[in-house]
Structure formats: structure tokens, C-alpha cells
């Protein structure tokens, strides 16, 4: 079974995968945290949390990855630290 990183990395264009500068830019775009004010961050977190239901036809592993991503990005906020 492929890792999440490998699953993200392998479909990239081979030219990007072999070019550190290009790969860095793709990574920064994909994994950059949003730069919003606290109210916007809270609204985004609430919307994502309210839509955390498993999608029709979505594998449980995909759903759990989304939940992990949510927790990684909003774990502190959802625990009342906002």
C-alpha cells in the first residue's frame, strides 16, 4: 500500500518531481496554511467540521485521511483555544 506522501508525489509531472525548485513551489501551494483573520479561520473550521460526514462511495480510509487532515490543521482551534 502506498503512503499518503507517495500517493501525492507519484502523479506529479516527472519534470516537477526531478526539479527541486519546481517541487518546492508545488509543495508550498499544496500544503500552505491559509493566511486569514481569526473569524475567517473559525468559519472555515466550522464549515469543514460540519461537512466531515463520510461521502457516498467514499472509502473509510479516505474519510479518515480527511479527518486526520482536519485535525492536523484545526486541532487546537476545535479544542477551544480560539
N, C-alpha and C. Protein backbone atom coordinates (compact mmCIF):
# COMPACT_ATOMS: atom_id res chain seq x y z
N UNK A 1 0.85 -1.18 0.00
CA UNK A 1 0.00 0.00 0.00
C UNK A 1 0.90 1.25 0.00
N UNK A 2 0.58 2.18 -0.85
CA UNK A 2 1.37 3.41 -0.97
C UNK A 2 1.07 4.35 0.19
N UNK A 3 2.08 5.09 0.61
CA UNK A 3 1.89 6.08 1.67
C UNK A 3 1.13 7.28 1.10
N UNK A 4 0.63 8.11 1.98
CA UNK A 4 -0.08 9.30 1.53
C UNK A 4 0.85 10.22 0.75
N UNK A 5 2.09 10.33 1.22
CA UNK A 5 3.06 11.18 0.53
C UNK A 5 3.34 10.64 -0.87
N UNK A 6 3.51 9.33 -0.98
CA UNK A 6 3.77 8.71 -2.27
C UNK A 6 2.57 8.87 -3.20
N UNK A 7 1.38 8.73 -2.66
CA UNK A 7 0.15 8.90 -3.45
C UNK A 7 0.05 10.32 -3.99
N UNK A 8 0.51 11.31 -3.22
CA UNK A 8 0.50 12.69 -3.69
C UNK A 8 1.63 12.93 -4.69
N UNK A 9 2.80 12.38 -4.41
CA UNK A 9 4.00 12.65 -5.19
C UNK A 9 4.00 11.99 -6.57
N UNK A 10 3.62 10.74 -6.66
CA UNK A 10 3.75 9.97 -7.90
C UNK A 10 3.01 10.56 -9.10
N UNK A 11 1.80 11.11 -8.95
CA UNK A 11 1.11 11.67 -10.12
C UNK A 11 1.69 12.98 -10.66
N UNK A 12 2.62 13.58 -9.89
CA UNK A 12 3.21 14.84 -10.37
C UNK A 12 3.98 14.60 -11.66
N UNK A 13 4.04 15.63 -12.47
CA UNK A 13 4.80 15.57 -13.71
C UNK A 13 6.25 15.19 -13.39
N UNK A 14 6.84 14.28 -14.16
CA UNK A 14 8.22 13.86 -13.90
C UNK A 14 9.21 15.03 -13.87
N UNK A 15 8.97 16.06 -14.68
CA UNK A 15 9.85 17.23 -14.66
C UNK A 15 9.80 17.94 -13.32
N UNK A 16 8.62 18.00 -12.72
CA UNK A 16 8.47 18.62 -11.40
C UNK A 16 9.14 17.77 -10.34
N UNK A 17 8.93 16.47 -10.41
CA UNK A 17 9.49 15.56 -9.40
C UNK A 17 11.02 15.60 -9.38
N UNK A 18 11.63 15.89 -10.51
CA UNK A 18 13.09 15.88 -10.58
C UNK A 18 13.71 17.28 -10.45
N UNK A 19 12.88 18.30 -10.25
CA UNK A 19 13.37 19.69 -10.14
C UNK A 19 13.00 20.24 -8.76
N UNK A 20 14.02 20.41 -7.91
CA UNK A 20 13.75 20.83 -6.54
C UNK A 20 12.99 22.15 -6.48
N UNK A 21 13.34 23.12 -7.30
CA UNK A 21 12.66 24.42 -7.26
C UNK A 21 11.18 24.27 -7.62
N UNK A 22 10.91 23.53 -8.67
CA UNK A 22 9.52 23.30 -9.07
C UNK A 22 8.75 22.50 -8.04
N UNK A 23 9.39 21.48 -7.49
CA UNK A 23 8.75 20.65 -6.47
C UNK A 23 8.45 21.47 -5.22
N UNK A 24 9.38 22.33 -4.86
CA UNK A 24 9.18 23.19 -3.69
C UNK A 24 7.96 24.08 -3.89
N UNK A 25 7.82 24.67 -5.06
CA UNK A 25 6.68 25.54 -5.34
C UNK A 25 5.36 24.77 -5.27
N UNK A 26 5.35 23.57 -5.85
CA UNK A 26 4.14 22.74 -5.81
C UNK A 26 3.79 22.39 -4.37
N UNK A 27 4.79 22.04 -3.58
CA UNK A 27 4.56 21.71 -2.17
C UNK A 27 4.02 22.91 -1.41
N UNK A 28 4.61 24.07 -1.63
CA UNK A 28 4.15 25.27 -0.92
C UNK A 28 2.71 25.62 -1.28
N UNK A 29 2.36 25.47 -2.55
CA UNK A 29 0.98 25.75 -2.96
C UNK A 29 0.03 24.74 -2.34
N UNK A 30 0.40 23.46 -2.36
CA UNK A 30 -0.48 22.40 -1.88
C UNK A 30 -0.64 22.40 -0.36
N UNK A 31 0.43 22.67 0.37
CA UNK A 31 0.40 22.50 1.81
C UNK A 31 0.46 23.80 2.60
N UNK A 32 0.39 24.92 1.91
CA UNK A 32 0.44 26.21 2.60
C UNK A 32 -0.80 26.39 3.47
N UNK A 33 -0.60 26.93 4.65
CA UNK A 33 -1.72 27.24 5.52
C UNK A 33 -2.35 28.54 5.07
N UNK A 34 -3.66 28.62 5.15
CA UNK A 34 -4.32 29.86 4.76
C UNK A 34 -3.94 31.01 5.70
N UNK A 35 -3.82 32.19 5.13
CA UNK A 35 -3.50 33.37 5.93
C UNK A 35 -4.76 34.22 5.99
N UNK A 36 -5.58 33.94 6.98
CA UNK A 36 -6.84 34.63 7.16
C UNK A 36 -6.93 35.15 8.59
N UNK A 37 -7.85 36.08 8.80
CA UNK A 37 -8.08 36.54 10.16
C UNK A 37 -8.76 35.42 10.96
N UNK A 38 -8.80 35.57 12.27
CA UNK A 38 -9.32 34.52 13.15
C UNK A 38 -10.78 34.20 12.85
N UNK A 39 -11.59 35.20 12.55
CA UNK A 39 -13.01 34.95 12.27
C UNK A 39 -13.16 34.08 11.02
N UNK A 40 -12.38 34.37 9.98
CA UNK A 40 -12.43 33.58 8.76
C UNK A 40 -11.92 32.17 9.02
N UNK A 41 -10.85 32.04 9.80
CA UNK A 41 -10.34 30.71 10.14
C UNK A 41 -11.38 29.90 10.91
N UNK A 42 -12.06 30.55 11.84
CA UNK A 42 -13.07 29.86 12.63
C UNK A 42 -14.23 29.43 11.74
N UNK A 43 -14.67 30.30 10.85
CA UNK A 43 -15.76 29.95 9.94
C UNK A 43 -15.37 28.78 9.05
N UNK A 44 -14.14 28.80 8.51
CA UNK A 44 -13.66 27.70 7.67
C UNK A 44 -13.62 26.40 8.46
N UNK A 45 -13.11 26.46 9.68
CA UNK A 45 -13.03 25.28 10.52
C UNK A 45 -14.42 24.72 10.79
N UNK A 46 -15.37 25.57 11.12
CA UNK A 46 -16.73 25.12 11.40
C UNK A 46 -17.37 24.48 10.18
N UNK A 47 -17.18 25.07 9.00
CA UNK A 47 -17.73 24.51 7.77
C UNK A 47 -17.13 23.13 7.49
N UNK A 48 -15.82 23.03 7.61
CA UNK A 48 -15.17 21.73 7.38
C UNK A 48 -15.64 20.69 8.38
N UNK A 49 -15.72 21.08 9.64
CA UNK A 49 -16.15 20.16 10.68
C UNK A 49 -17.58 19.69 10.43
N UNK A 50 -18.45 20.61 10.05
CA UNK A 50 -19.85 20.26 9.80
C UNK A 50 -20.03 19.39 8.57
N UNK A 51 -19.02 19.37 7.68
CA UNK A 51 -19.09 18.54 6.47
C UNK A 51 -18.20 17.31 6.56
N UNK A 52 -17.88 16.86 7.75
CA UNK A 52 -16.98 15.74 7.92
C UNK A 52 -17.65 14.38 7.74
N UNK A 53 -18.90 14.34 7.34
CA UNK A 53 -19.56 13.06 7.09
C UNK A 53 -18.83 12.31 5.98
N UNK A 54 -18.84 11.00 6.09
CA UNK A 54 -18.26 10.18 5.04
C UNK A 54 -19.11 10.33 3.79
N UNK A 55 -18.47 10.62 2.67
CA UNK A 55 -19.17 10.83 1.42
C UNK A 55 -19.70 9.53 0.82
N UNK A 56 -20.75 9.64 0.05
CA UNK A 56 -21.32 8.49 -0.63
C UNK A 56 -20.26 7.88 -1.54
N UNK A 57 -19.95 6.63 -1.35
CA UNK A 57 -18.94 5.95 -2.15
C UNK A 57 -17.51 6.22 -1.69
N UNK A 58 -17.34 7.02 -0.65
CA UNK A 58 -16.00 7.32 -0.15
C UNK A 58 -15.54 6.17 0.75
N UNK A 59 -14.33 5.70 0.50
CA UNK A 59 -13.77 4.64 1.33
C UNK A 59 -13.52 5.17 2.73
N UNK A 60 -13.63 4.29 3.71
CA UNK A 60 -13.40 4.70 5.08
C UNK A 60 -11.98 5.24 5.26
N UNK A 61 -11.02 4.66 4.55
CA UNK A 61 -9.64 5.14 4.66
C UNK A 61 -9.52 6.58 4.14
N UNK A 62 -10.25 6.91 3.09
CA UNK A 62 -10.24 8.28 2.56
C UNK A 62 -10.88 9.24 3.56
N UNK A 63 -11.98 8.80 4.14
CA UNK A 63 -12.66 9.62 5.14
C UNK A 63 -11.74 9.88 6.34
N UNK A 64 -11.06 8.85 6.80
CA UNK A 64 -10.16 9.00 7.95
C UNK A 64 -8.97 9.90 7.62
N UNK A 65 -8.50 9.86 6.38
CA UNK A 65 -7.43 10.78 5.97
C UNK A 65 -7.92 12.23 6.03
N UNK A 66 -9.15 12.46 5.59
CA UNK A 66 -9.71 13.82 5.67
C UNK A 66 -9.83 14.26 7.12
N UNK A 67 -10.25 13.34 7.98
CA UNK A 67 -10.37 13.66 9.40
C UNK A 67 -9.00 13.97 10.00
N UNK A 68 -7.99 13.19 9.62
CA UNK A 68 -6.63 13.46 10.08
C UNK A 68 -6.14 14.82 9.60
N UNK A 69 -6.42 15.15 8.33
CA UNK A 69 -6.03 16.44 7.78
C UNK A 69 -6.71 17.58 8.54
N UNK A 70 -7.99 17.38 8.84
CA UNK A 70 -8.74 18.38 9.60
C UNK A 70 -8.10 18.58 10.96
N UNK A 71 -7.82 17.49 11.65
CA UNK A 71 -7.23 17.58 12.98
C UNK A 71 -5.84 18.23 12.93
N UNK A 72 -5.06 17.90 11.91
CA UNK A 72 -3.73 18.49 11.78
C UNK A 72 -3.80 20.00 11.60
N UNK A 73 -4.81 20.46 10.89
CA UNK A 73 -4.92 21.90 10.61
C UNK A 73 -5.68 22.66 11.70
N UNK A 74 -6.68 22.02 12.29
CA UNK A 74 -7.55 22.75 13.20
C UNK A 74 -7.64 22.15 14.60
N UNK A 75 -6.79 21.22 14.92
CA UNK A 75 -6.88 20.53 16.20
C UNK A 75 -6.91 21.46 17.41
N UNK A 76 -6.05 22.46 17.43
CA UNK A 76 -6.00 23.38 18.56
C UNK A 76 -7.29 24.20 18.63
N UNK A 77 -7.73 24.73 17.49
CA UNK A 77 -8.93 25.56 17.46
C UNK A 77 -10.17 24.78 17.89
N UNK A 78 -10.30 23.54 17.43
CA UNK A 78 -11.52 22.80 17.76
C UNK A 78 -11.58 22.42 19.23
N UNK A 79 -10.43 22.52 19.92
CA UNK A 79 -10.40 22.22 21.35
C UNK A 79 -10.63 23.46 22.19
N UNK A 80 -11.07 24.55 21.57
CA UNK A 80 -11.46 25.74 22.31
C UNK A 80 -10.37 26.74 22.57
N UNK A 81 -9.28 26.70 21.83
CA UNK A 81 -8.17 27.63 22.06
C UNK A 81 -8.28 28.89 21.23
N UNK A 82 -9.37 29.08 20.51
CA UNK A 82 -9.52 30.28 19.69
C UNK A 82 -9.87 31.46 20.58
